[in-house]
Amino acid sequence: MPQLDTSTWLTMILSMFLTLFIIFQLKISKHNFYHNPELTSTKMLKHNTPWEKKWTKIYLPLSLPL
């Protein structure tokens, strides 16, 4: 039974890591990042919703008359 030749595994693994590193560096370098982000207003805007104007009563099943 022949033995598995593992002498090239280290070279293959190292070259794979180097290739992945280069590919990810190239992908990341293509992103555009904002250099000076502007401050935005953090105030919460009040939204007018229809259910805020109406009075509603929630009926629980146990509070219904028999």
PDB file of N, CA and C in Angstrom:
ATOM      1  N   MET A   1       0.852  -1.181   0.000  1.00  0.00           N
ATOM      2  CA  MET A   1       0.000   0.000   0.000  1.00  0.00           C
ATOM      3  C   MET A   1       0.895   1.242   0.000  1.00  0.00           C
ATOM      4  N   PRO A   2       0.705   2.119  -1.016  1.00  0.00           N
ATOM      5  CA  PRO A   2       1.583   3.303  -1.082  1.00  0.00           C
ATOM      6  C   PRO A   2       1.216   4.329  -0.010  1.00  0.00           C
ATOM      7  N   GLN A   3       2.197   5.041   0.397  1.00  0.00           N
ATOM      8  CA  GLN A   3       1.969   6.070   1.414  1.00  0.00           C
ATOM      9  C   GLN A   3       1.571   7.381   0.745  1.00  0.00           C
ATOM     10  N   LEU A   4       0.805   8.173   1.474  1.00  0.00           N
ATOM     11  CA  LEU A   4       0.355   9.459   0.970  1.00  0.00           C
ATOM     12  C   LEU A   4       1.514  10.453   1.042  1.00  0.00           C
ATOM     13  N   ASP A   5       1.773  11.084  -0.076  1.00  0.00           N
ATOM     14  CA  ASP A   5       2.880  12.044  -0.131  1.00  0.00           C
ATOM     15  C   ASP A   5       2.391  13.398   0.410  1.00  0.00           C
ATOM     16  N   THR A   6       2.912  13.786   1.566  1.00  0.00           N
ATOM     17  CA  THR A   6       2.489  15.028   2.196  1.00  0.00           C
ATOM     18  C   THR A   6       3.560  16.099   2.134  1.00  0.00           C
ATOM     19  N   SER A   7       4.546  15.920   1.308  1.00  0.00           N
ATOM     20  CA  SER A   7       5.654  16.873   1.278  1.00  0.00           C
ATOM     21  C   SER A   7       5.251  18.219   0.677  1.00  0.00           C
ATOM     22  N   THR A   8       4.244  18.248  -0.165  1.00  0.00           N
ATOM     23  CA  THR A   8       3.852  19.513  -0.801  1.00  0.00           C
ATOM     24  C   THR A   8       2.699  20.202  -0.075  1.00  0.00           C
ATOM     25  N   TRP A   9       2.178  19.596   0.973  1.00  0.00           N
ATOM     26  CA  TRP A   9       1.029  20.168   1.657  1.00  0.00           C
ATOM     27  C   TRP A   9       1.329  21.524   2.273  1.00  0.00           C
ATOM     28  N   LEU A  10       2.472  21.655   2.883  1.00  0.00           N
ATOM     29  CA  LEU A  10       2.821  22.929   3.518  1.00  0.00           C
ATOM     30  C   LEU A  10       2.891  24.045   2.473  1.00  0.00           C
ATOM     31  N   THR A  11       3.484  23.762   1.347  1.00  0.00           N
ATOM     32  CA  THR A  11       3.573  24.756   0.281  1.00  0.00           C
ATOM     33  C   THR A  11       2.182  25.140  -0.227  1.00  0.00           C
ATOM     34  N   MET A  12       1.343  24.162  -0.390  1.00  0.00           N
ATOM     35  CA  MET A  12      -0.012  24.438  -0.876  1.00  0.00           C
ATOM     36  C   MET A  12      -0.812  25.257   0.139  1.00  0.00           C
ATOM     37  N   ILE A  13      -0.716  24.916   1.389  1.00  0.00           N
ATOM     38  CA  ILE A  13      -1.471  25.632   2.420  1.00  0.00           C
ATOM     39  C   ILE A  13      -0.974  27.066   2.544  1.00  0.00           C
ATOM     40  N   LEU A  14       0.328  27.258   2.532  1.00  0.00           N
ATOM     41  CA  LEU A  14       0.873  28.607   2.635  1.00  0.00           C
ATOM     42  C   LEU A  14       0.514  29.446   1.410  1.00  0.00           C
ATOM     43  N   SER A  15       0.571  28.858   0.248  1.00  0.00           N
ATOM     44  CA  SER A  15       0.210  29.606  -0.955  1.00  0.00           C
ATOM     45  C   SER A  15      -1.283  29.936  -0.970  1.00  0.00           C
ATOM     46  N   MET A  16      -2.102  29.045  -0.421  1.00  0.00           N
ATOM     47  CA  MET A  16      -3.537  29.313  -0.340  1.00  0.00           C
ATOM     48  C   MET A  16      -3.803  30.499   0.584  1.00  0.00           C
ATOM     49  N   PHE A  17      -3.155  30.514   1.749  1.00  0.00           N
ATOM     50  CA  PHE A  17      -3.335  31.638   2.666  1.00  0.00           C
ATOM     51  C   PHE A  17      -2.845  32.947   2.067  1.00  0.00           C
ATOM     52  N   LEU A  18      -1.745  32.908   1.384  1.00  0.00           N
ATOM     53  CA  LEU A  18      -1.228  34.114   0.744  1.00  0.00           C
ATOM     54  C   LEU A  18      -2.195  34.608  -0.333  1.00  0.00           C
ATOM     55  N   THR A  19      -2.719  33.719  -1.117  1.00  0.00           N
ATOM     56  CA  THR A  19      -3.672  34.091  -2.162  1.00  0.00           C
ATOM     57  C   THR A  19      -4.949  34.673  -1.556  1.00  0.00           C
ATOM     58  N   LEU A  20      -5.451  34.038  -0.515  1.00  0.00           N
ATOM     59  CA  LEU A  20      -6.658  34.570   0.133  1.00  0.00           C
ATOM     60  C   LEU A  20      -6.411  35.942   0.739  1.00  0.00           C
ATOM     61  N   PHE A  21      -5.265  36.119   1.329  1.00  0.00           N
ATOM     62  CA  PHE A  21      -4.932  37.420   1.901  1.00  0.00           C
ATOM     63  C   PHE A  21      -4.902  38.491   0.816  1.00  0.00           C
ATOM     64  N   ILE A  22      -4.283  38.194  -0.301  1.00  0.00           N
ATOM     65  CA  ILE A  22      -4.191  39.163  -1.400  1.00  0.00           C
ATOM     66  C   ILE A  22      -5.580  39.458  -1.963  1.00  0.00           C
ATOM     67  N   ILE A  23      -6.406  38.444  -2.125  1.00  0.00           N
ATOM     68  CA  ILE A  23      -7.744  38.651  -2.666  1.00  0.00           C
ATOM     69  C   ILE A  23      -8.576  39.530  -1.736  1.00  0.00           C
ATOM     70  N   PHE A  24      -8.507  39.258  -0.437  1.00  0.00           N
ATOM     71  CA  PHE A  24      -9.275  40.071   0.504  1.00  0.00           C
ATOM     72  C   PHE A  24      -8.747  41.489   0.584  1.00  0.00           C
ATOM     73  N   GLN A  25      -7.460  41.659   0.484  1.00  0.00           N
ATOM     74  CA  GLN A  25      -6.908  43.017   0.481  1.00  0.00           C
ATOM     75  C   GLN A  25      -7.385  43.787  -0.743  1.00  0.00           C
ATOM     76  N   LEU A  26      -7.434  43.135  -1.866  1.00  0.00           N
ATOM     77  CA  LEU A  26      -7.913  43.803  -3.076  1.00  0.00           C
ATOM     78  C   LEU A  26      -9.399  44.138  -2.974  1.00  0.00           C
ATOM     79  N   LYS A  27     -10.170  43.229  -2.390  1.00  0.00           N
ATOM     80  CA  LYS A  27     -11.602  43.500  -2.239  1.00  0.00           C
ATOM     81  C   LYS A  27     -11.838  44.665  -1.282  1.00  0.00           C
ATOM     82  N   ILE A  28     -11.113  44.697  -0.188  1.00  0.00           N
ATOM     83  CA  ILE A  28     -11.298  45.755   0.799  1.00  0.00           C
ATOM     84  C   ILE A  28     -10.825  47.098   0.253  1.00  0.00           C
ATOM     85  N   SER A  29      -9.789  47.085  -0.551  1.00  0.00           N
ATOM     86  CA  SER A  29      -9.253  48.343  -1.068  1.00  0.00           C
ATOM     87  C   SER A  29     -10.198  49.018  -2.065  1.00  0.00           C
ATOM     88  N   LYS A  30     -11.163  48.294  -2.594  1.00  0.00           N
ATOM     89  CA  LYS A  30     -12.103  48.867  -3.557  1.00  0.00           C
ATOM     90  C   LYS A  30     -13.264  49.591  -2.892  1.00  0.00           C
ATOM     91  N   HIS A  31     -13.400  49.455  -1.578  1.00  0.00           N
ATOM     92  CA  HIS A  31     -14.492  50.124  -0.873  1.00  0.00           C
ATOM     93  C   HIS A  31     -14.185  51.598  -0.685  1.00  0.00           C
ATOM     94  N   ASN A  32     -15.224  52.402  -0.809  1.00  0.00           N
ATOM     95  CA  ASN A  32     -15.088  53.835  -0.571  1.00  0.00           C
ATOM     96  C   ASN A  32     -15.616  54.151   0.816  1.00  0.00           C
ATOM     97  N   PHE A  33     -14.773  54.738   1.630  1.00  0.00           N
ATOM     98  CA  PHE A  33     -15.169  55.117   2.976  1.00  0.00           C
ATOM     99  C   PHE A  33     -15.231  56.631   3.065  1.00  0.00           C
ATOM    100  N   TYR A  34     -16.168  57.122   3.867  1.00  0.00           N
ATOM    101  CA  TYR A  34     -16.284  58.560   4.051  1.00  0.00           C
ATOM    102  C   TYR A  34     -15.137  59.051   4.929  1.00  0.00           C
ATOM    103  N   HIS A  35     -14.506  60.129   4.484  1.00  0.00           N
ATOM    104  CA  HIS A  35     -13.387  60.640   5.263  1.00  0.00           C
ATOM    105  C   HIS A  35     -13.851  61.491   6.432  1.00  0.00           C
ATOM    106  N   ASN A  36     -14.832  62.353   6.200  1.00  0.00           N
ATOM    107  CA  ASN A  36     -15.334  63.228   7.250  1.00  0.00           C
ATOM    108  C   ASN A  36     -16.843  63.036   7.391  1.00  0.00           C
ATOM    109  N   PRO A  37     -17.255  62.110   8.227  1.00  0.00           N
ATOM    110  CA  PRO A  37     -18.693  61.938   8.381  1.00  0.00           C
ATOM    111  C   PRO A  37     -19.311  63.138   9.095  1.00  0.00           C
ATOM    112  N   GLU A  38     -20.425  63.581   8.592  1.00  0.00           N
ATOM    113  CA  GLU A  38     -21.105  64.731   9.189  1.00  0.00           C
ATOM    114  C   GLU A  38     -22.028  64.268  10.305  1.00  0.00           C
ATOM    115  N   LEU A  39     -22.175  65.118  11.295  1.00  0.00           N
ATOM    116  CA  LEU A  39     -23.082  64.799  12.386  1.00  0.00           C
ATOM    117  C   LEU A  39     -24.519  64.952  11.906  1.00  0.00           C
ATOM    118  N   THR A  40     -25.327  64.003  12.253  1.00  0.00           N
ATOM    119  CA  THR A  40     -26.734  64.081  11.879  1.00  0.00           C
ATOM    120  C   THR A  40     -27.560  64.322  13.135  1.00  0.00           C
ATOM    121  N   SER A  41     -28.733  64.844  12.926  1.00  0.00           N
ATOM    122  CA  SER A  41     -29.614  65.124  14.046  1.00  0.00           C
ATOM    123  C   SER A  41     -30.105  63.812  14.641  1.00  0.00           C
ATOM    124  N   THR A  42     -30.009  63.725  15.964  1.00  0.00           N
ATOM    125  CA  THR A  42     -30.447  62.494  16.633  1.00  0.00           C
ATOM    126  C   THR A  42     -31.810  62.650  17.279  1.00  0.00           C
ATOM    127  N   LYS A  43     -32.517  63.749  16.976  1.00  0.00           N
ATOM    128  CA  LYS A  43     -33.846  63.951  17.539  1.00  0.00           C
ATOM    129  C   LYS A  43     -34.831  62.958  16.934  1.00  0.00           C
ATOM    130  N   MET A  44     -35.691  62.486  17.786  1.00  0.00           N
ATOM    131  CA  MET A  44     -36.731  61.580  17.306  1.00  0.00           C
ATOM    132  C   MET A  44     -37.881  62.416  16.742  1.00  0.00           C
ATOM    133  N   LEU A  45     -38.263  62.116  15.536  1.00  0.00           N
ATOM    134  CA  LEU A  45     -39.383  62.819  14.934  1.00  0.00           C
ATOM    135  C   LEU A  45     -40.680  62.187  15.411  1.00  0.00           C
ATOM    136  N   LYS A  46     -41.641  63.031  15.746  1.00  0.00           N
ATOM    137  CA  LYS A  46     -42.928  62.505  16.198  1.00  0.00           C
ATOM    138  C   LYS A  46     -43.791  62.223  14.979  1.00  0.00           C
ATOM    139  N   HIS A  47     -44.207  60.978  14.881  1.00  0.00           N
ATOM    140  CA  HIS A  47     -45.059  60.568  13.781  1.00  0.00           C
ATOM    141  C   HIS A  47     -46.507  60.589  14.245  1.00  0.00           C
ATOM    142  N   ASN A  48     -47.337  61.180  13.438  1.00  0.00           N
ATOM    143  CA  ASN A  48     -48.765  61.193  13.748  1.00  0.00           C
ATOM    144  C   ASN A  48     -49.399  59.928  13.202  1.00  0.00           C
ATOM    145  N   THR A  49     -49.874  59.118  14.102  1.00  0.00           N
ATOM    146  CA  THR A  49     -50.511  57.874  13.692  1.00  0.00           C
ATOM    147  C   THR A  49     -51.987  57.939  14.045  1.00  0.00           C
ATOM    148  N   PRO A  50     -52.829  57.272  13.279  1.00  0.00           N
ATOM    149  CA  PRO A  50     -54.270  57.368  13.511  1.00  0.00           C
ATOM    150  C   PRO A  50     -54.696  56.838  14.872  1.00  0.00           C
ATOM    151  N   TRP A  51     -54.006  55.826  15.388  1.00  0.00           N
ATOM    152  CA  TRP A  51     -54.456  55.246  16.651  1.00  0.00           C
ATOM    153  C   TRP A  51     -54.079  56.096  17.860  1.00  0.00           C
ATOM    154  N   GLU A  52     -53.244  57.105  17.676  1.00  0.00           N
ATOM    155  CA  GLU A  52     -52.940  57.991  18.791  1.00  0.00           C
ATOM    156  C   GLU A  52     -54.077  58.997  19.028  1.00  0.00           C
ATOM    157  N   LYS A  53     -54.868  59.269  18.008  1.00  0.00           N
ATOM    158  CA  LYS A  53     -55.941  60.245  18.129  1.00  0.00           C
ATOM    159  C   LYS A  53     -57.199  59.635  18.738  1.00  0.00           C
ATOM    160  N   LYS A  54     -57.339  58.329  18.637  1.00  0.00           N
ATOM    161  CA  LYS A  54     -58.552  57.670  19.083  1.00  0.00           C
ATOM    162  C   LYS A  54     -58.339  57.033  20.460  1.00  0.00           C
ATOM    163  N   TRP A  55     -59.439  56.933  21.186  1.00  0.00           N
ATOM    164  CA  TRP A  55     -59.395  56.209  22.440  1.00  0.00           C
ATOM    165  C   TRP A  55     -59.853  54.791  22.153  1.00  0.00           C
ATOM    166  N   THR A  56     -59.066  53.852  22.527  1.00  0.00           N
ATOM    167  CA  THR A  56     -59.434  52.459  22.294  1.00  0.00           C
ATOM    168  C   THR A  56     -59.411  51.719  23.609  1.00  0.00           C
ATOM    169  N   LYS A  57     -60.299  50.775  23.726  1.00  0.00           N
ATOM    170  CA  LYS A  57     -60.351  49.962  24.927  1.00  0.00           C
ATOM    171  C   LYS A  57     -60.028  48.527  24.549  1.00  0.00           C
ATOM    172  N   ILE A  58     -59.146  47.940  25.311  1.00  0.00           N
ATOM    173  CA  ILE A  58     -58.761  46.564  25.041  1.00  0.00           C
ATOM    174  C   ILE A  58     -59.578  45.668  25.964  1.00  0.00           C
ATOM    175  N   TYR A  59     -60.303  44.738  25.398  1.00  0.00           N
ATOM    176  CA  TYR A  59     -61.103  43.823  26.172  1.00  0.00           C
ATOM    177  C   TYR A  59     -60.335  42.523  26.359  1.00  0.00           C
ATOM    178  N   LEU A  60     -60.148  42.179  27.596  1.00  0.00           N
ATOM    179  CA  LEU A  60     -59.517  40.903  27.885  1.00  0.00           C
ATOM    180  C   LEU A  60     -60.584  39.815  27.898  1.00  0.00           C
ATOM    181  N   PRO A  61     -60.241  38.609  27.542  1.00  0.00           N
ATOM    182  CA  PRO A  61     -61.261  37.528  27.539  1.00  0.00           C
ATOM    183  C   PRO A  61     -61.879  37.312  28.914  1.00  0.00           C
ATOM    184  N   LEU A  62     -61.133  37.504  29.992  1.00  0.00           N
ATOM    185  CA  LEU A  62     -61.671  37.253  31.325  1.00  0.00           C
ATOM    186  C   LEU A  62     -62.562  38.389  31.814  1.00  0.00           C
ATOM    187  N   SER A  63     -62.489  39.553  31.205  1.00  0.00           N
ATOM    188  CA  SER A  63     -63.284  40.677  31.674  1.00  0.00           C
ATOM    189  C   SER A  63     -64.616  40.810  30.933  1.00  0.00           C
ATOM    190  N   LEU A  64     -64.883  39.915  30.008  1.00  0.00           N
ATOM    191  CA  LEU A  64     -66.142  39.962  29.287  1.00  0.00           C
ATOM    192  C   LEU A  64     -67.286  39.493  30.197  1.00  0.00           C
ATOM    193  N   PRO A  65     -68.472  40.060  30.008  1.00  0.00           N
ATOM    194  CA  PRO A  65     -69.596  39.605  30.841  1.00  0.00           C
ATOM    195  C   PRO A  65     -70.025  38.191  30.481  1.00  0.00           C
ATOM    196  N   LEU A  66     -70.581  37.500  31.452  1.00  0.00           N
ATOM    197  CA  LEU A  66     -71.002  36.114  31.200  1.00  0.00           C
ATOM    198  C   LEU A  66     -72.366  36.034  30.570  1.00  0.00           C
TER     199      LEU A  66
END
